Amino acid sequence: MDPSLRWDDEQQPASEQLPVILFFALLFVAIAIAGACAFVIFWPLALVHVRDRLPAVSAKLGHGAFLKPSALWWLLNGSYRDTADPQFTGLATPARLSLMTILLGLAMAGLLWLWSLAMPA
């Protein structure tokens, strides 16, 4: 077999790797969008449950907790598990996982985009 026809990573120029890196960056954006879809389902359901059945937690989160940074941090660090309501934690856990998916997906897409900028043309 002719050695020039062999496919190696060392032989592939950086200009051919760039579309693959950008494809994976776009894939991570799609994963973040999927996380956002799950978040807008579970987080409002959890907040309605808090409003209706957990007045102490509702007072702690305050009015308009949907995108309030303190409420999102409360969800993200798992403080909701201190609540002894299994129905609420059953709604808040998927909301937490979807929030993590959004953040991780956007972070990975950003890293791959920065890597694509650093690649030689």
PDB file of N, CA and C in Angstrom:
ATOM      1  N   MET A   1       0.844  -1.170   0.000  1.00  0.00           N
ATOM      2  CA  MET A   1       0.000   0.000   0.000  1.00  0.00           C
ATOM      3  C   MET A   1       0.890   1.235   0.000  1.00  0.00           C
ATOM      4  N   ASP A   2       0.498   2.191  -0.755  1.00  0.00           N
ATOM      5  CA  ASP A   2       1.234   3.443  -0.863  1.00  0.00           C
ATOM      6  C   ASP A   2       1.145   4.211   0.470  1.00  0.00           C
ATOM      7  N   PRO A   3       2.295   4.596   1.084  1.00  0.00           N
ATOM      8  CA  PRO A   3       2.258   5.289   2.382  1.00  0.00           C
ATOM      9  C   PRO A   3       1.538   6.634   2.323  1.00  0.00           C
ATOM     10  N   SER A   4       1.467   7.256   1.168  1.00  0.00           N
ATOM     11  CA  SER A   4       0.785   8.553   1.076  1.00  0.00           C
ATOM     12  C   SER A   4      -0.738   8.399   1.173  1.00  0.00           C
ATOM     13  N   LEU A   5      -1.239   7.180   0.995  1.00  0.00           N
ATOM     14  CA  LEU A   5      -2.678   6.945   1.088  1.00  0.00           C
ATOM     15  C   LEU A   5      -3.123   6.563   2.497  1.00  0.00           C
ATOM     16  N   ARG A   6      -2.154   6.341   3.404  1.00  0.00           N
ATOM     17  CA  ARG A   6      -2.511   6.000   4.782  1.00  0.00           C
ATOM     18  C   ARG A   6      -3.099   7.206   5.484  1.00  0.00           C
ATOM     19  N   TRP A   7      -4.061   6.941   6.367  1.00  0.00           N
ATOM     20  CA  TRP A   7      -4.688   8.033   7.103  1.00  0.00           C
ATOM     21  C   TRP A   7      -4.187   8.006   8.539  1.00  0.00           C
ATOM     22  N   ASP A   8      -3.530   9.062   8.948  1.00  0.00           N
ATOM     23  CA  ASP A   8      -3.048   9.219  10.315  1.00  0.00           C
ATOM     24  C   ASP A   8      -3.474  10.588  10.817  1.00  0.00           C
ATOM     25  N   ASP A   9      -3.541  10.705  12.141  1.00  0.00           N
ATOM     26  CA  ASP A   9      -3.841  12.016  12.709  1.00  0.00           C
ATOM     27  C   ASP A   9      -2.710  12.994  12.434  1.00  0.00           C
ATOM     28  N   GLU A  10      -1.472  12.503  12.379  1.00  0.00           N
ATOM     29  CA  GLU A  10      -0.345  13.387  12.133  1.00  0.00           C
ATOM     30  C   GLU A  10      -0.366  13.942  10.707  1.00  0.00           C
ATOM     31  N   GLN A  11      -0.907  13.180   9.780  1.00  0.00           N
ATOM     32  CA  GLN A  11      -0.929  13.620   8.396  1.00  0.00           C
ATOM     33  C   GLN A  11      -2.108  14.530   8.090  1.00  0.00           C
ATOM     34  N   GLN A  12      -3.125  14.509   8.945  1.00  0.00           N
ATOM     35  CA  GLN A  12      -4.303  15.324   8.671  1.00  0.00           C
ATOM     36  C   GLN A  12      -4.005  16.773   9.036  1.00  0.00           C
ATOM     37  N   PRO A  13      -4.133  17.689   8.099  1.00  0.00           N
ATOM     38  CA  PRO A  13      -3.845  19.090   8.400  1.00  0.00           C
ATOM     39  C   PRO A  13      -4.872  19.662   9.380  1.00  0.00           C
ATOM     40  N   ALA A  14      -4.455  20.712  10.082  1.00  0.00           N
ATOM     41  CA  ALA A  14      -5.317  21.344  11.074  1.00  0.00           C
ATOM     42  C   ALA A  14      -6.569  21.911  10.435  1.00  0.00           C
ATOM     43  N   SER A  15      -6.486  22.329   9.183  1.00  0.00           N
ATOM     44  CA  SER A  15      -7.660  22.897   8.522  1.00  0.00           C
ATOM     45  C   SER A  15      -8.760  21.861   8.332  1.00  0.00           C
ATOM     46  N   GLU A  16      -8.398  20.575   8.306  1.00  0.00           N
ATOM     47  CA  GLU A  16      -9.410  19.525   8.193  1.00  0.00           C
ATOM     48  C   GLU A  16      -9.967  19.129   9.554  1.00  0.00           C
ATOM     49  N   GLN A  17      -9.232  19.404  10.631  1.00  0.00           N
ATOM     50  CA  GLN A  17      -9.716  19.092  11.969  1.00  0.00           C
ATOM     51  C   GLN A  17     -10.671  20.170  12.488  1.00  0.00           C
ATOM     52  N   LEU A  18     -10.563  21.375  11.983  1.00  0.00           N
ATOM     53  CA  LEU A  18     -11.376  22.485  12.453  1.00  0.00           C
ATOM     54  C   LEU A  18     -12.876  22.232  12.318  1.00  0.00           C
ATOM     55  N   PRO A  19     -13.374  21.741  11.193  1.00  0.00           N
ATOM     56  CA  PRO A  19     -14.826  21.483  11.107  1.00  0.00           C
ATOM     57  C   PRO A  19     -15.304  20.444  12.122  1.00  0.00           C
ATOM     58  N   VAL A  20     -14.460  19.473  12.430  1.00  0.00           N
ATOM     59  CA  VAL A  20     -14.843  18.446  13.407  1.00  0.00           C
ATOM     60  C   VAL A  20     -14.944  19.067  14.792  1.00  0.00           C
ATOM     61  N   ILE A  21     -14.008  19.921  15.143  1.00  0.00           N
ATOM     62  CA  ILE A  21     -14.036  20.584  16.449  1.00  0.00           C
ATOM     63  C   ILE A  21     -15.263  21.481  16.555  1.00  0.00           C
ATOM     64  N   LEU A  22     -15.562  22.219  15.506  1.00  0.00           N
ATOM     65  CA  LEU A  22     -16.738  23.086  15.523  1.00  0.00           C
ATOM     66  C   LEU A  22     -18.037  22.275  15.531  1.00  0.00           C
ATOM     67  N   PHE A  23     -18.026  21.109  14.892  1.00  0.00           N
ATOM     68  CA  PHE A  23     -19.194  20.236  14.949  1.00  0.00           C
ATOM     69  C   PHE A  23     -19.456  19.792  16.384  1.00  0.00           C
ATOM     70  N   PHE A  24     -18.410  19.389  17.091  1.00  0.00           N
ATOM     71  CA  PHE A  24     -18.599  18.975  18.478  1.00  0.00           C
ATOM     72  C   PHE A  24     -18.998  20.155  19.356  1.00  0.00           C
ATOM     73  N   ALA A  25     -18.505  21.336  19.069  1.00  0.00           N
ATOM     74  CA  ALA A  25     -18.943  22.526  19.805  1.00  0.00           C
ATOM     75  C   ALA A  25     -20.440  22.749  19.595  1.00  0.00           C
ATOM     76  N   LEU A  26     -20.891  22.604  18.355  1.00  0.00           N
ATOM     77  CA  LEU A  26     -22.317  22.754  18.062  1.00  0.00           C
ATOM     78  C   LEU A  26     -23.132  21.652  18.725  1.00  0.00           C
ATOM     79  N   LEU A  27     -22.571  20.463  18.812  1.00  0.00           N
ATOM     80  CA  LEU A  27     -23.241  19.358  19.490  1.00  0.00           C
ATOM     81  C   LEU A  27     -23.420  19.676  20.978  1.00  0.00           C
ATOM     82  N   PHE A  28     -22.416  20.279  21.603  1.00  0.00           N
ATOM     83  CA  PHE A  28     -22.547  20.669  23.008  1.00  0.00           C
ATOM     84  C   PHE A  28     -23.578  21.783  23.181  1.00  0.00           C
ATOM     85  N   VAL A  29     -23.706  22.663  22.211  1.00  0.00           N
ATOM     86  CA  VAL A  29     -24.766  23.680  22.266  1.00  0.00           C
ATOM     87  C   VAL A  29     -26.131  22.990  22.207  1.00  0.00           C
ATOM     88  N   ALA A  30     -26.257  21.972  21.378  1.00  0.00           N
ATOM     89  CA  ALA A  30     -27.518  21.228  21.293  1.00  0.00           C
ATOM     90  C   ALA A  30     -27.822  20.528  22.613  1.00  0.00           C
ATOM     91  N   ILE A  31     -26.803  20.008  23.275  1.00  0.00           N
ATOM     92  CA  ILE A  31     -27.003  19.380  24.580  1.00  0.00           C
ATOM     93  C   ILE A  31     -27.474  20.423  25.596  1.00  0.00           C
ATOM     94  N   ALA A  32     -26.904  21.624  25.531  1.00  0.00           N
ATOM     95  CA  ALA A  32     -27.339  22.696  26.428  1.00  0.00           C
ATOM     96  C   ALA A  32     -28.795  23.089  26.146  1.00  0.00           C
ATOM     97  N   ILE A  33     -29.192  23.088  24.894  1.00  0.00           N
ATOM     98  CA  ILE A  33     -30.583  23.401  24.545  1.00  0.00           C
ATOM     99  C   ILE A  33     -31.521  22.323  25.085  1.00  0.00           C
ATOM    100  N   ALA A  34     -31.100  21.073  25.002  1.00  0.00           N
ATOM    101  CA  ALA A  34     -31.917  19.990  25.568  1.00  0.00           C
ATOM    102  C   ALA A  34     -32.043  20.167  27.079  1.00  0.00           C
ATOM    103  N   GLY A  35     -30.965  20.567  27.733  1.00  0.00           N
ATOM    104  CA  GLY A  35     -31.034  20.843  29.167  1.00  0.00           C
ATOM    105  C   GLY A  35     -31.965  21.997  29.477  1.00  0.00           C
ATOM    106  N   ALA A  36     -31.958  23.014  28.623  1.00  0.00           N
ATOM    107  CA  ALA A  36     -32.854  24.158  28.826  1.00  0.00           C
ATOM    108  C   ALA A  36     -34.314  23.739  28.681  1.00  0.00           C
ATOM    109  N   CYS A  37     -34.587  22.848  27.747  1.00  0.00           N
ATOM    110  CA  CYS A  37     -35.966  22.358  27.583  1.00  0.00           C
ATOM    111  C   CYS A  37     -36.433  21.629  28.838  1.00  0.00           C
ATOM    112  N   ALA A  38     -35.580  20.808  29.398  1.00  0.00           N
ATOM    113  CA  ALA A  38     -35.939  20.097  30.633  1.00  0.00           C
ATOM    114  C   ALA A  38     -36.061  21.073  31.799  1.00  0.00           C
ATOM    115  N   PHE A  39     -35.198  22.082  31.832  1.00  0.00           N
ATOM    116  CA  PHE A  39     -35.218  23.050  32.926  1.00  0.00           C
ATOM    117  C   PHE A  39     -36.517  23.831  32.959  1.00  0.00           C
ATOM    118  N   VAL A  40     -36.999  24.255  31.793  1.00  0.00           N
ATOM    119  CA  VAL A  40     -38.236  25.041  31.770  1.00  0.00           C
ATOM    120  C   VAL A  40     -39.472  24.176  32.036  1.00  0.00           C
ATOM    121  N   ILE A  41     -39.306  22.883  32.094  1.00  0.00           N
ATOM    122  CA  ILE A  41     -40.400  22.006  32.502  1.00  0.00           C
ATOM    123  C   ILE A  41     -40.366  21.785  34.017  1.00  0.00           C
ATOM    124  N   PHE A  42     -39.221  21.369  34.545  1.00  0.00           N
ATOM    125  CA  PHE A  42     -39.161  20.931  35.936  1.00  0.00           C
ATOM    126  C   PHE A  42     -39.010  22.058  36.949  1.00  0.00           C
ATOM    127  N   TRP A  43     -38.269  23.103  36.642  1.00  0.00           N
ATOM    128  CA  TRP A  43     -38.064  24.163  37.622  1.00  0.00           C
ATOM    129  C   TRP A  43     -39.360  24.921  37.927  1.00  0.00           C
ATOM    130  N   PRO A  44     -40.180  25.298  36.942  1.00  0.00           N
ATOM    131  CA  PRO A  44     -41.453  25.925  37.292  1.00  0.00           C
ATOM    132  C   PRO A  44     -42.380  25.001  38.093  1.00  0.00           C
ATOM    133  N   LEU A  45     -42.376  23.714  37.773  1.00  0.00           N
ATOM    134  CA  LEU A  45     -43.191  22.781  38.549  1.00  0.00           C
ATOM    135  C   LEU A  45     -42.719  22.731  39.998  1.00  0.00           C
ATOM    136  N   ALA A  46     -41.402  22.730  40.190  1.00  0.00           N
ATOM    137  CA  ALA A  46     -40.859  22.718  41.548  1.00  0.00           C
ATOM    138  C   ALA A  46     -41.212  24.012  42.275  1.00  0.00           C
ATOM    139  N   LEU A  47     -41.145  25.139  41.577  1.00  0.00           N
ATOM    140  CA  LEU A  47     -41.463  26.418  42.216  1.00  0.00           C
ATOM    141  C   LEU A  47     -42.952  26.525  42.564  1.00  0.00           C
ATOM    142  N   VAL A  48     -43.825  25.982  41.749  1.00  0.00           N
ATOM    143  CA  VAL A  48     -45.249  25.978  42.082  1.00  0.00           C
ATOM    144  C   VAL A  48     -45.494  25.103  43.304  1.00  0.00           C
ATOM    145  N   HIS A  49     -44.809  23.974  43.385  1.00  0.00           N
ATOM    146  CA  HIS A  49     -44.924  23.107  44.560  1.00  0.00           C
ATOM    147  C   HIS A  49     -44.446  23.847  45.807  1.00  0.00           C
ATOM    148  N   VAL A  50     -43.350  24.583  45.696  1.00  0.00           N
ATOM    149  CA  VAL A  50     -42.840  25.373  46.822  1.00  0.00           C
ATOM    150  C   VAL A  50     -43.871  26.422  47.225  1.00  0.00           C
ATOM    151  N   ARG A  51     -44.416  27.116  46.262  1.00  0.00           N
ATOM    152  CA  ARG A  51     -45.397  28.169  46.548  1.00  0.00           C
ATOM    153  C   ARG A  51     -46.628  27.613  47.258  1.00  0.00           C
ATOM    154  N   ASP A  52     -47.089  26.441  46.817  1.00  0.00           N
ATOM    155  CA  ASP A  52     -48.333  25.897  47.356  1.00  0.00           C
ATOM    156  C   ASP A  52     -48.153  25.139  48.671  1.00  0.00           C
ATOM    157  N   ARG A  53     -47.016  24.491  48.874  1.00  0.00           N
ATOM    158  CA  ARG A  53     -46.898  23.577  50.016  1.00  0.00           C
ATOM    159  C   ARG A  53     -45.741  23.852  50.960  1.00  0.00           C
ATOM    160  N   LEU A  54     -44.802  24.703  50.584  1.00  0.00           N
ATOM    161  CA  LEU A  54     -43.634  24.951  51.433  1.00  0.00           C
ATOM    162  C   LEU A  54     -43.433  26.451  51.616  1.00  0.00           C
ATOM    163  N   PRO A  55     -44.228  27.079  52.471  1.00  0.00           N
ATOM    164  CA  PRO A  55     -44.134  28.536  52.614  1.00  0.00           C
ATOM    165  C   PRO A  55     -42.784  29.018  53.159  1.00  0.00           C
ATOM    166  N   ALA A  56     -42.124  28.231  53.992  1.00  0.00           N
ATOM    167  CA  ALA A  56     -40.817  28.651  54.529  1.00  0.00           C
ATOM    168  C   ALA A  56     -39.772  28.720  53.418  1.00  0.00           C
ATOM    169  N   VAL A  57     -39.783  27.738  52.545  1.00  0.00           N
ATOM    170  CA  VAL A  57     -38.844  27.728  51.416  1.00  0.00           C
ATOM    171  C   VAL A  57     -39.218  28.837  50.440  1.00  0.00           C
ATOM    172  N   SER A  58     -40.494  29.051  50.239  1.00  0.00           N
ATOM    173  CA  SER A  58     -40.951  30.114  49.347  1.00  0.00           C
ATOM    174  C   SER A  58     -40.479  31.480  49.839  1.00  0.00           C
ATOM    175  N   ALA A  59     -40.545  31.705  51.142  1.00  0.00           N
ATOM    176  CA  ALA A  59     -40.062  32.972  51.704  1.00  0.00           C
ATOM    177  C   ALA A  59     -38.552  33.091  51.541  1.00  0.00           C
ATOM    178  N   LYS A  60     -37.847  31.975  51.663  1.00  0.00           N
ATOM    179  CA  LYS A  60     -36.383  31.990  51.511  1.00  0.00           C
ATOM    180  C   LYS A  60     -35.982  32.318  50.069  1.00  0.00           C
ATOM    181  N   LEU A  61     -36.693  31.742  49.098  1.00  0.00           N
ATOM    182  CA  LEU A  61     -36.359  31.980  47.692  1.00  0.00           C
ATOM    183  C   LEU A  61     -36.812  33.351  47.217  1.00  0.00           C
ATOM    184  N   GLY A  62     -37.897  33.846  47.782  1.00  0.00           N
ATOM    185  CA  GLY A  62     -38.394  35.162  47.405  1.00  0.00           C
ATOM    186  C   GLY A  62     -39.259  35.116  46.159  1.00  0.00           C
ATOM    187  N   HIS A  63     -39.770  36.297  45.832  1.00  0.00           N
ATOM    188  CA  HIS A  63     -40.664  36.427  44.673  1.00  0.00           C
ATOM    189  C   HIS A  63     -39.844  36.425  43.377  1.00  0.00           C
ATOM    190  N   GLY A  64     -40.346  35.761  42.350  1.00  0.00           N
ATOM    191  CA  GLY A  64     -39.657  35.728  41.058  1.00  0.00           C
ATOM    192  C   GLY A  64     -38.385  34.903  41.090  1.00  0.00           C
ATOM    193  N   ALA A  65     -38.460  33.718  41.669  1.00  0.00           N
ATOM    194  CA  ALA A  65     -37.270  32.893  41.862  1.00  0.00           C
ATOM    195  C   ALA A  65     -36.839  32.129  40.612  1.00  0.00           C
ATOM    196  N   PHE A  66     -37.581  32.238  39.519  1.00  0.00           N
ATOM    197  CA  PHE A  66     -37.276  31.410  38.351  1.00  0.00           C
ATOM    198  C   PHE A  66     -35.855  31.627  37.841  1.00  0.00           C
ATOM    199  N   LEU A  67     -35.435  32.860  37.663  1.00  0.00           N
ATOM    200  CA  LEU A  67     -34.079  33.141  37.189  1.00  0.00           C
ATOM    201  C   LEU A  67     -33.268  33.958  38.198  1.00  0.00           C
ATOM    202  N   LYS A  68     -33.692  33.986  39.434  1.00  0.00           N
ATOM    203  CA  LYS A  68     -32.961  34.706  40.465  1.00  0.00           C
ATOM    204  C   LYS A  68     -31.662  33.939  40.767  1.00  0.00           C
ATOM    205  N   PRO A  69     -30.508  34.596  40.701  1.00  0.00           N
ATOM    206  CA  PRO A  69     -29.240  33.883  40.916  1.00  0.00           C
ATOM    207  C   PRO A  69     -29.157  33.147  42.252  1.00  0.00           C
ATOM    208  N   SER A  70     -29.691  33.727  43.309  1.00  0.00           N
ATOM    209  CA  SER A  70     -29.619  33.045  44.611  1.00  0.00           C
ATOM    210  C   SER A  70     -30.463  31.765  44.600  1.00  0.00           C
ATOM    211  N   ALA A  71     -31.618  31.796  43.942  1.00  0.00           N
ATOM    212  CA  ALA A  71     -32.455  30.597  43.849  1.00  0.00           C
ATOM    213  C   ALA A  71     -31.804  29.536  42.965  1.00  0.00           C
ATOM    214  N   LEU A  72     -31.176  29.974  41.882  1.00  0.00           N
ATOM    215  CA  LEU A  72     -30.496  29.007  41.009  1.00  0.00           C
ATOM    216  C   LEU A  72     -29.302  28.373  41.716  1.00  0.00           C
ATOM    217  N   TRP A  73     -28.579  29.166  42.503  1.00  0.00           N
ATOM    218  CA  TRP A  73     -27.458  28.614  43.262  1.00  0.00           C
ATOM    219  C   TRP A  73     -27.975  27.649  44.322  1.00  0.00           C
ATOM    220  N   TRP A  74     -29.103  27.983  44.963  1.00  0.00           N
ATOM    221  CA  TRP A  74     -29.731  27.108  45.949  1.00  0.00           C
ATOM    222  C   TRP A  74     -30.075  25.768  45.310  1.00  0.00           C
ATOM    223  N   LEU A  75     -30.561  25.817  44.071  1.00  0.00           N
ATOM    224  CA  LEU A  75     -30.878  24.590  43.349  1.00  0.00           C
ATOM    225  C   LEU A  75     -29.609  23.852  42.946  1.00  0.00           C
ATOM    226  N   LEU A  76     -28.645  24.581  42.429  1.00  0.00           N
ATOM    227  CA  LEU A  76     -27.438  23.961  41.889  1.00  0.00           C
ATOM    228  C   LEU A  76     -26.596  23.283  42.963  1.00  0.00           C
ATOM    229  N   ASN A  77     -26.492  23.879  44.144  1.00  0.00           N
ATOM    230  CA  ASN A  77     -25.651  23.260  45.179  1.00  0.00           C
ATOM    231  C   ASN A  77     -26.397  22.207  45.991  1.00  0.00           C
ATOM    232  N   GLY A  78     -27.657  21.946  45.679  1.00  0.00           N
ATOM    233  CA  GLY A  78     -28.384  20.847  46.299  1.00  0.00           C
ATOM    234  C   GLY A  78     -28.989  21.166  47.647  1.00  0.00           C
ATOM    235  N   SER A  79     -29.117  22.439  47.989  1.00  0.00           N
ATOM    236  CA  SER A  79     -29.711  22.799  49.283  1.00  0.00           C
ATOM    237  C   SER A  79     -31.181  22.409  49.375  1.00  0.00           C
ATOM    238  N   TYR A  80     -31.814  22.162  48.250  1.00  0.00           N
ATOM    239  CA  TYR A  80     -33.215  21.752  48.257  1.00  0.00           C
ATOM    240  C   TYR A  80     -33.409  20.413  48.952  1.00  0.00           C
ATOM    241  N   ARG A  81     -32.350  19.620  49.080  1.00  0.00           N
ATOM    242  CA  ARG A  81     -32.477  18.310  49.720  1.00  0.00           C
ATOM    243  C   ARG A  81     -32.703  18.407  51.225  1.00  0.00           C
ATOM    244  N   ASP A  82     -32.482  19.595  51.793  1.00  0.00           N
ATOM    245  CA  ASP A  82     -32.770  19.794  53.215  1.00  0.00           C
ATOM    246  C   ASP A  82     -34.270  19.785  53.483  1.00  0.00           C
ATOM    247  N   THR A  83     -35.069  19.982  52.456  1.00  0.00           N
ATOM    248  CA  THR A  83     -36.517  19.948  52.571  1.00  0.00           C
ATOM    249  C   THR A  83     -36.960  18.492  52.684  1.00  0.00           C
ATOM    250  N   ALA A  84     -37.787  18.213  53.662  1.00  0.00           N
ATOM    251  CA  ALA A  84     -38.221  16.828  53.900  1.00  0.00           C
ATOM    252  C   ALA A  84     -39.482  16.493  53.116  1.00  0.00           C
ATOM    253  N   ASP A  85     -39.526  16.899  51.870  1.00  0.00           N
ATOM    254  CA  ASP A  85     -40.683  16.641  51.014  1.00  0.00           C
ATOM    255  C   ASP A  85     -40.220  15.855  49.784  1.00  0.00           C
ATOM    256  N   PRO A  86     -40.497  14.551  49.746  1.00  0.00           N
ATOM    257  CA  PRO A  86     -40.013  13.750  48.609  1.00  0.00           C
ATOM    258  C   PRO A  86     -40.631  14.155  47.272  1.00  0.00           C
ATOM    259  N   GLN A  87     -41.845  14.696  47.300  1.00  0.00           N
ATOM    260  CA  GLN A  87     -42.446  15.145  46.039  1.00  0.00           C
ATOM    261  C   GLN A  87     -41.695  16.353  45.487  1.00  0.00           C
ATOM    262  N   PHE A  88     -41.280  17.240  46.383  1.00  0.00           N
ATOM    263  CA  PHE A  88     -40.526  18.409  45.933  1.00  0.00           C
ATOM    264  C   PHE A  88     -39.144  18.017  45.429  1.00  0.00           C
ATOM    265  N   THR A  89     -38.444  17.164  46.153  1.00  0.00           N
ATOM    266  CA  THR A  89     -37.114  16.763  45.693  1.00  0.00           C
ATOM    267  C   THR A  89     -37.199  15.963  44.399  1.00  0.00           C
ATOM    268  N   GLY A  90     -38.328  15.287  44.191  1.00  0.00           N
ATOM    269  CA  GLY A  90     -38.541  14.579  42.926  1.00  0.00           C
ATOM    270  C   GLY A  90     -38.693  15.523  41.744  1.00  0.00           C
ATOM    271  N   LEU A  91     -39.140  16.742  41.998  1.00  0.00           N
ATOM    272  CA  LEU A  91     -39.218  17.751  40.938  1.00  0.00           C
ATOM    273  C   LEU A  91     -37.930  18.559  40.828  1.00  0.00           C
ATOM    274  N   ALA A  92     -37.288  18.805  41.959  1.00  0.00           N
ATOM    275  CA  ALA A  92     -36.102  19.656  41.953  1.00  0.00           C
ATOM    276  C   ALA A  92     -34.862  18.930  41.431  1.00  0.00           C
ATOM    277  N   THR A  93     -34.779  17.624  41.629  1.00  0.00           N
ATOM    278  CA  THR A  93     -33.597  16.891  41.155  1.00  0.00           C
ATOM    279  C   THR A  93     -33.457  16.932  39.634  1.00  0.00           C
ATOM    280  N   PRO A  94     -34.510  16.676  38.845  1.00  0.00           N
ATOM    281  CA  PRO A  94     -34.350  16.833  37.392  1.00  0.00           C
ATOM    282  C   PRO A  94     -34.053  18.272  36.982  1.00  0.00           C
ATOM    283  N   ALA A  95     -34.604  19.242  37.727  1.00  0.00           N
ATOM    284  CA  ALA A  95     -34.292  20.641  37.426  1.00  0.00           C
ATOM    285  C   ALA A  95     -32.812  20.915  37.668  1.00  0.00           C
ATOM    286  N   ARG A  96     -32.280  20.360  38.739  1.00  0.00           N
ATOM    287  CA  ARG A  96     -30.846  20.529  39.036  1.00  0.00           C
ATOM    288  C   ARG A  96     -29.984  19.872  37.958  1.00  0.00           C
ATOM    289  N   LEU A  97     -30.334  18.662  37.569  1.00  0.00           N
ATOM    290  CA  LEU A  97     -29.558  17.968  36.532  1.00  0.00           C
ATOM    291  C   LEU A  97     -29.629  18.722  35.203  1.00  0.00           C
ATOM    292  N   SER A  98     -30.776  19.269  34.886  1.00  0.00           N
ATOM    293  CA  SER A  98     -30.880  20.014  33.629  1.00  0.00           C
ATOM    294  C   SER A  98     -30.097  21.316  33.695  1.00  0.00           C
ATOM    295  N   LEU A  99     -30.064  21.969  34.861  1.00  0.00           N
ATOM    296  CA  LEU A  99     -29.249  23.175  35.013  1.00  0.00           C
ATOM    297  C   LEU A  99     -27.764  22.845  34.863  1.00  0.00           C
ATOM    298  N   MET A 100     -27.350  21.719  35.438  1.00  0.00           N
ATOM    299  CA  MET A 100     -25.961  21.274  35.264  1.00  0.00           C
ATOM    300  C   MET A 100     -25.669  20.972  33.791  1.00  0.00           C
ATOM    301  N   THR A 101     -26.627  20.385  33.098  1.00  0.00           N
ATOM    302  CA  THR A 101     -26.454  20.067  31.677  1.00  0.00           C
ATOM    303  C   THR A 101     -26.293  21.335  30.853  1.00  0.00           C
ATOM    304  N   ILE A 102     -27.075  22.355  31.162  1.00  0.00           N
ATOM    305  CA  ILE A 102     -26.956  23.630  30.458  1.00  0.00           C
ATOM    306  C   ILE A 102     -25.563  24.214  30.657  1.00  0.00           C
ATOM    307  N   LEU A 103     -25.140  24.286  31.910  1.00  0.00           N
ATOM    308  CA  LEU A 103     -23.845  24.907  32.213  1.00  0.00           C
ATOM    309  C   LEU A 103     -22.682  24.115  31.629  1.00  0.00           C
ATOM    310  N   LEU A 104     -22.725  22.799  31.753  1.00  0.00           N
ATOM    311  CA  LEU A 104     -21.649  21.968  31.212  1.00  0.00           C
ATOM    312  C   LEU A 104     -21.618  22.019  29.689  1.00  0.00           C
ATOM    313  N   GLY A 105     -22.783  21.970  29.060  1.00  0.00           N
ATOM    314  CA  GLY A 105     -22.840  22.031  27.595  1.00  0.00           C
ATOM    315  C   GLY A 105     -22.291  23.331  27.057  1.00  0.00           C
ATOM    316  N   LEU A 106     -22.675  24.454  27.673  1.00  0.00           N
ATOM    317  CA  LEU A 106     -22.168  25.749  27.209  1.00  0.00           C
ATOM    318  C   LEU A 106     -20.678  25.904  27.500  1.00  0.00           C
ATOM    319  N   ALA A 107     -20.231  25.393  28.641  1.00  0.00           N
ATOM    320  CA  ALA A 107     -18.801  25.475  28.967  1.00  0.00           C
ATOM    321  C   ALA A 107     -17.969  24.666  27.972  1.00  0.00           C
ATOM    322  N   MET A 108     -18.411  23.471  27.652  1.00  0.00           N
ATOM    323  CA  MET A 108     -17.663  22.637  26.701  1.00  0.00           C
ATOM    324  C   MET A 108     -17.696  23.234  25.300  1.00  0.00           C
ATOM    325  N   ALA A 109     -18.831  23.782  24.896  1.00  0.00           N
ATOM    326  CA  ALA A 109     -18.914  24.427  23.581  1.00  0.00           C
ATOM    327  C   ALA A 109     -17.970  25.624  23.528  1.00  0.00           C
ATOM    328  N   GLY A 110     -17.923  26.393  24.594  1.00  0.00           N
ATOM    329  CA  GLY A 110     -17.012  27.538  24.644  1.00  0.00           C
ATOM    330  C   GLY A 110     -15.554  27.125  24.589  1.00  0.00           C
ATOM    331  N   LEU A 111     -15.209  26.062  25.304  1.00  0.00           N
ATOM    332  CA  LEU A 111     -13.818  25.581  25.266  1.00  0.00           C
ATOM    333  C   LEU A 111     -13.437  25.093  23.872  1.00  0.00           C
ATOM    334  N   LEU A 112     -14.327  24.368  23.228  1.00  0.00           N
ATOM    335  CA  LEU A 112     -14.023  23.899  21.878  1.00  0.00           C
ATOM    336  C   LEU A 112     -13.945  25.057  20.890  1.00  0.00           C
ATOM    337  N   TRP A 113     -14.775  26.064  21.070  1.00  0.00           N
ATOM    338  CA  TRP A 113     -14.708  27.236  20.199  1.00  0.00           C
ATOM    339  C   TRP A 113     -13.383  27.964  20.392  1.00  0.00           C
ATOM    340  N   LEU A 114     -12.953  28.109  21.651  1.00  0.00           N
ATOM    341  CA  LEU A 114     -11.643  28.749  21.906  1.00  0.00           C
ATOM    342  C   LEU A 114     -10.515  27.912  21.315  1.00  0.00           C
ATOM    343  N   TRP A 115     -10.626  26.591  21.409  1.00  0.00           N
ATOM    344  CA  TRP A 115      -9.613  25.715  20.832  1.00  0.00           C
ATOM    345  C   TRP A 115      -9.579  25.899  19.312  1.00  0.00           C
ATOM    346  N   SER A 116     -10.745  26.065  18.693  1.00  0.00           N
ATOM    347  CA  SER A 116     -10.776  26.246  17.242  1.00  0.00           C
ATOM    348  C   SER A 116     -10.125  27.570  16.849  1.00  0.00           C
ATOM    349  N   LEU A 117     -10.233  28.598  17.700  1.00  0.00           N
ATOM    350  CA  LEU A 117      -9.581  29.867  17.408  1.00  0.00           C
ATOM    351  C   LEU A 117      -8.073  29.784  17.535  1.00  0.00           C
ATOM    352  N   ALA A 118      -7.619  28.923  18.412  1.00  0.00           N
ATOM    353  CA  ALA A 118      -6.181  28.788  18.644  1.00  0.00           C
ATOM    354  C   ALA A 118      -5.493  27.909  17.614  1.00  0.00           C
ATOM    355  N   MET A 119      -6.261  27.165  16.823  1.00  0.00           N
ATOM    356  CA  MET A 119      -5.656  26.267  15.829  1.00  0.00           C
ATOM    357  C   MET A 119      -5.083  27.065  14.676  1.00  0.00           C
ATOM    358  N   PRO A 120      -3.941  26.611  14.168  1.00  0.00           N
ATOM    359  CA  PRO A 120      -3.382  27.309  12.988  1.00  0.00           C
ATOM    360  C   PRO A 120      -4.264  27.088  11.761  1.00  0.00           C
ATOM    361  N   ALA A 121      -4.284  28.066  10.924  1.00  0.00           N
ATOM    362  CA  ALA A 121      -5.147  28.013   9.732  1.00  0.00           C
ATOM    363  C   ALA A 121      -4.600  27.141   8.650  1.00  0.00           C
TER     364      ALA A 121
END
